[in-house]
Every structure is written in C-alpha cells, then in structure tokens.
Amino acid sequence: MVGRCLIVLLCLLTAGGISVSLGCSSYLSAENQHRRAEVVGTDWKHAGQDWDWAWGLAAPNIGYEDSFPPGP
C-alpha cells in the first residue's frame, strides 16, 4: 500500500514538473506581467461604462439598437 502511494506521488510530481517546464515557464515573464497589467487597467477603465450600460443609464448607440432583429 505504501509502495503504491509512493509510485502515484512520484508520477504526479513528474507530470507536474513536465507541465511546469513546458507550459508555465513564461507565465511570470516580464512581457506577460506587463500585458496582464495593461488588460486589467483597460478593464477598470471600462468598468464604469459597463455599469452604466447594465443599469440602463447609458445612452443607446446605433450599433446597439441595430443588433436586435427585426428592428423598427
């Protein structure tokens, strides 16, 4: 029983190591952190507009009105 648990643990550690070395190595790179900060900043800038739209306080634009068929 202990041997089986050790084998399973070793396999999980190996799979985790492989996945980190292949797919997650660039996750903390400076370029990705900069891009993430840009995206979060842009999202926060649009949050007020999204809130107004969700509550119906924003003036409807022609693109929004035309997106609902069949239209007037």
N, C-alpha and C. Protein backbone atom coordinates (compact mmCIF):
# COMPACT_ATOMS: atom_id res chain seq x y z
N MET A 1 0.82 -1.19 0.00
CA MET A 1 0.00 0.00 0.00
C MET A 1 0.86 1.26 0.00
N VAL A 2 1.89 1.28 0.82
CA VAL A 2 2.78 2.43 0.89
C VAL A 2 3.54 2.58 -0.42
N GLY A 3 3.95 1.44 -0.98
CA GLY A 3 4.67 1.49 -2.25
C GLY A 3 3.81 2.08 -3.36
N ARG A 4 2.53 1.71 -3.38
CA ARG A 4 1.63 2.23 -4.41
C ARG A 4 1.44 3.74 -4.25
N CYS A 5 1.31 4.21 -3.02
CA CYS A 5 1.16 5.65 -2.76
C CYS A 5 2.40 6.41 -3.21
N LEU A 6 3.57 5.84 -2.96
CA LEU A 6 4.81 6.49 -3.39
C LEU A 6 4.91 6.56 -4.91
N ILE A 7 4.48 5.50 -5.58
CA ILE A 7 4.51 5.49 -7.04
C ILE A 7 3.55 6.53 -7.61
N VAL A 8 2.35 6.62 -7.04
CA VAL A 8 1.38 7.61 -7.50
C VAL A 8 1.91 9.02 -7.25
N LEU A 9 2.49 9.25 -6.10
CA LEU A 9 3.05 10.56 -5.77
C LEU A 9 4.19 10.91 -6.72
N LEU A 10 5.04 9.96 -7.01
CA LEU A 10 6.14 10.19 -7.93
C LEU A 10 5.63 10.52 -9.33
N CYS A 11 4.60 9.81 -9.77
CA CYS A 11 4.02 10.09 -11.09
C CYS A 11 3.40 11.49 -11.14
N LEU A 12 2.70 11.88 -10.07
CA LEU A 12 2.10 13.20 -10.04
C LEU A 12 3.15 14.31 -10.03
N LEU A 13 4.22 14.10 -9.27
CA LEU A 13 5.30 15.07 -9.26
C LEU A 13 5.99 15.17 -10.62
N THR A 14 6.17 14.05 -11.28
CA THR A 14 6.78 14.05 -12.60
C THR A 14 5.89 14.77 -13.61
N ALA A 15 4.59 14.46 -13.59
CA ALA A 15 3.66 15.12 -14.51
C ALA A 15 3.60 16.62 -14.23
N GLY A 16 3.60 17.00 -12.97
CA GLY A 16 3.60 18.41 -12.62
C GLY A 16 4.87 19.11 -13.08
N GLY A 17 5.99 18.48 -12.90
CA GLY A 17 7.26 19.06 -13.35
C GLY A 17 7.31 19.24 -14.85
N ILE A 18 6.80 18.26 -15.57
CA ILE A 18 6.79 18.36 -17.04
C ILE A 18 5.86 19.48 -17.49
N SER A 19 4.69 19.57 -16.88
CA SER A 19 3.74 20.61 -17.29
C SER A 19 4.28 22.01 -16.97
N VAL A 20 4.94 22.16 -15.85
CA VAL A 20 5.52 23.46 -15.49
C VAL A 20 6.65 23.81 -16.44
N SER A 21 7.48 22.86 -16.77
CA SER A 21 8.61 23.16 -17.64
C SER A 21 8.18 23.43 -19.08
N LEU A 22 7.08 22.85 -19.52
CA LEU A 22 6.65 23.05 -20.90
C LEU A 22 5.67 24.21 -21.08
N GLY A 23 4.72 24.34 -20.17
CA GLY A 23 3.67 25.30 -20.42
C GLY A 23 3.65 26.53 -19.54
N CYS A 24 4.20 26.47 -18.38
CA CYS A 24 4.07 27.57 -17.43
C CYS A 24 5.35 28.36 -17.26
N SER A 25 6.35 28.08 -18.05
CA SER A 25 7.63 28.74 -17.83
C SER A 25 7.59 30.22 -18.16
N SER A 26 6.73 30.63 -19.08
CA SER A 26 6.68 32.04 -19.46
C SER A 26 5.57 32.79 -18.74
N TYR A 27 4.88 32.17 -17.80
CA TYR A 27 3.75 32.80 -17.12
C TYR A 27 4.19 34.03 -16.33
N LEU A 28 5.33 33.97 -15.70
CA LEU A 28 5.79 35.07 -14.88
C LEU A 28 6.82 35.95 -15.58
N SER A 29 6.89 35.86 -16.90
CA SER A 29 7.86 36.68 -17.62
C SER A 29 7.44 38.15 -17.55
N ALA A 30 8.38 39.04 -17.76
CA ALA A 30 8.12 40.47 -17.68
C ALA A 30 7.11 40.91 -18.74
N GLU A 31 7.19 40.33 -19.92
CA GLU A 31 6.27 40.68 -21.01
C GLU A 31 4.83 40.30 -20.65
N ASN A 32 4.64 39.11 -20.11
CA ASN A 32 3.29 38.68 -19.73
C ASN A 32 2.75 39.49 -18.56
N GLN A 33 3.58 39.83 -17.61
CA GLN A 33 3.12 40.65 -16.49
C GLN A 33 2.71 42.03 -16.97
N HIS A 34 3.47 42.61 -17.90
CA HIS A 34 3.12 43.91 -18.46
C HIS A 34 1.79 43.84 -19.20
N ARG A 35 1.61 42.80 -19.99
CA ARG A 35 0.35 42.63 -20.74
C ARG A 35 -0.82 42.45 -19.79
N ARG A 36 -0.65 41.65 -18.74
CA ARG A 36 -1.71 41.46 -17.76
C ARG A 36 -2.08 42.77 -17.08
N ALA A 37 -1.09 43.58 -16.74
CA ALA A 37 -1.34 44.88 -16.11
C ALA A 37 -2.10 45.80 -17.07
N GLU A 38 -1.76 45.76 -18.35
CA GLU A 38 -2.46 46.56 -19.36
C GLU A 38 -3.92 46.16 -19.47
N VAL A 39 -4.17 44.87 -19.51
CA VAL A 39 -5.53 44.36 -19.65
C VAL A 39 -6.37 44.73 -18.43
N VAL A 40 -5.81 44.56 -17.25
CA VAL A 40 -6.55 44.90 -16.03
C VAL A 40 -6.84 46.39 -15.99
N GLY A 41 -5.87 47.21 -16.36
CA GLY A 41 -6.09 48.65 -16.39
C GLY A 41 -7.19 49.05 -17.36
N THR A 42 -7.19 48.45 -18.53
CA THR A 42 -8.23 48.74 -19.53
C THR A 42 -9.59 48.28 -19.02
N ASP A 43 -9.64 47.12 -18.40
CA ASP A 43 -10.91 46.64 -17.87
C ASP A 43 -11.46 47.58 -16.80
N TRP A 44 -10.59 48.09 -15.93
CA TRP A 44 -11.06 49.01 -14.90
C TRP A 44 -11.55 50.32 -15.50
N LYS A 45 -10.91 50.76 -16.60
CA LYS A 45 -11.35 52.00 -17.26
C LYS A 45 -12.75 51.84 -17.84
N HIS A 46 -13.06 50.64 -18.33
CA HIS A 46 -14.36 50.39 -18.95
C HIS A 46 -15.43 49.95 -17.95
N ALA A 47 -15.04 49.70 -16.71
CA ALA A 47 -15.98 49.18 -15.72
C ALA A 47 -17.13 50.15 -15.47
N GLY A 48 -16.84 51.44 -15.41
CA GLY A 48 -17.89 52.43 -15.19
C GLY A 48 -18.89 52.47 -16.33
N GLN A 49 -18.39 52.39 -17.55
CA GLN A 49 -19.27 52.37 -18.71
C GLN A 49 -20.12 51.10 -18.72
N ASP A 50 -19.53 49.99 -18.37
CA ASP A 50 -20.28 48.73 -18.32
C ASP A 50 -21.37 48.78 -17.26
N TRP A 51 -21.05 49.38 -16.12
CA TRP A 51 -22.02 49.50 -15.04
C TRP A 51 -23.20 50.37 -15.48
N ASP A 52 -22.90 51.49 -16.12
CA ASP A 52 -23.96 52.37 -16.61
C ASP A 52 -24.83 51.65 -17.64
N TRP A 53 -24.21 50.90 -18.52
CA TRP A 53 -24.97 50.19 -19.55
C TRP A 53 -25.86 49.12 -18.90
N ALA A 54 -25.31 48.40 -17.91
CA ALA A 54 -26.08 47.33 -17.26
C ALA A 54 -27.31 47.89 -16.55
N TRP A 55 -27.21 49.08 -15.99
CA TRP A 55 -28.34 49.69 -15.29
C TRP A 55 -29.24 50.49 -16.23
N GLY A 56 -28.87 50.57 -17.51
CA GLY A 56 -29.70 51.29 -18.47
C GLY A 56 -29.52 52.79 -18.42
N LEU A 57 -28.43 53.26 -17.85
CA LEU A 57 -28.19 54.69 -17.74
C LEU A 57 -27.44 55.26 -18.93
N ALA A 58 -26.81 54.41 -19.70
CA ALA A 58 -26.05 54.86 -20.85
C ALA A 58 -26.99 55.13 -22.02
N ALA A 59 -26.66 56.14 -22.78
CA ALA A 59 -27.47 56.44 -23.97
C ALA A 59 -27.23 55.34 -25.00
N PRO A 60 -28.29 54.77 -25.55
CA PRO A 60 -28.10 53.72 -26.55
C PRO A 60 -27.48 54.28 -27.82
N ASN A 61 -26.59 53.51 -28.39
CA ASN A 61 -25.99 53.95 -29.64
C ASN A 61 -26.60 53.17 -30.80
N ILE A 62 -26.35 53.60 -32.00
CA ILE A 62 -26.98 53.00 -33.18
C ILE A 62 -26.53 51.54 -33.37
N GLY A 63 -25.28 51.22 -32.99
CA GLY A 63 -24.81 49.84 -33.12
C GLY A 63 -25.55 48.90 -32.20
N TYR A 64 -25.88 49.36 -31.04
CA TYR A 64 -26.62 48.54 -30.09
C TYR A 64 -28.04 48.32 -30.57
N GLU A 65 -28.69 49.39 -31.04
CA GLU A 65 -30.08 49.29 -31.48
C GLU A 65 -30.23 48.40 -32.71
N ASP A 66 -29.27 48.45 -33.61
CA ASP A 66 -29.36 47.64 -34.83
C ASP A 66 -29.02 46.18 -34.59
N SER A 67 -28.50 45.86 -33.43
CA SER A 67 -28.10 44.47 -33.20
C SER A 67 -29.27 43.57 -32.83
N PHE A 68 -30.46 44.15 -32.60
CA PHE A 68 -31.62 43.35 -32.25
C PHE A 68 -32.58 43.26 -33.42
N PRO A 69 -32.62 42.13 -34.11
CA PRO A 69 -33.56 41.98 -35.21
C PRO A 69 -34.97 41.82 -34.67
N PRO A 70 -36.00 42.07 -35.35
CA PRO A 70 -36.05 42.55 -36.72
C PRO A 70 -35.91 44.06 -36.85
N GLY A 71 -35.92 44.79 -35.78
CA GLY A 71 -35.70 46.24 -35.86
C GLY A 71 -36.96 46.97 -36.26
N PRO A 72 -36.95 48.28 -36.03
CA PRO A 72 -38.15 49.08 -36.38
C PRO A 72 -38.29 49.32 -37.86
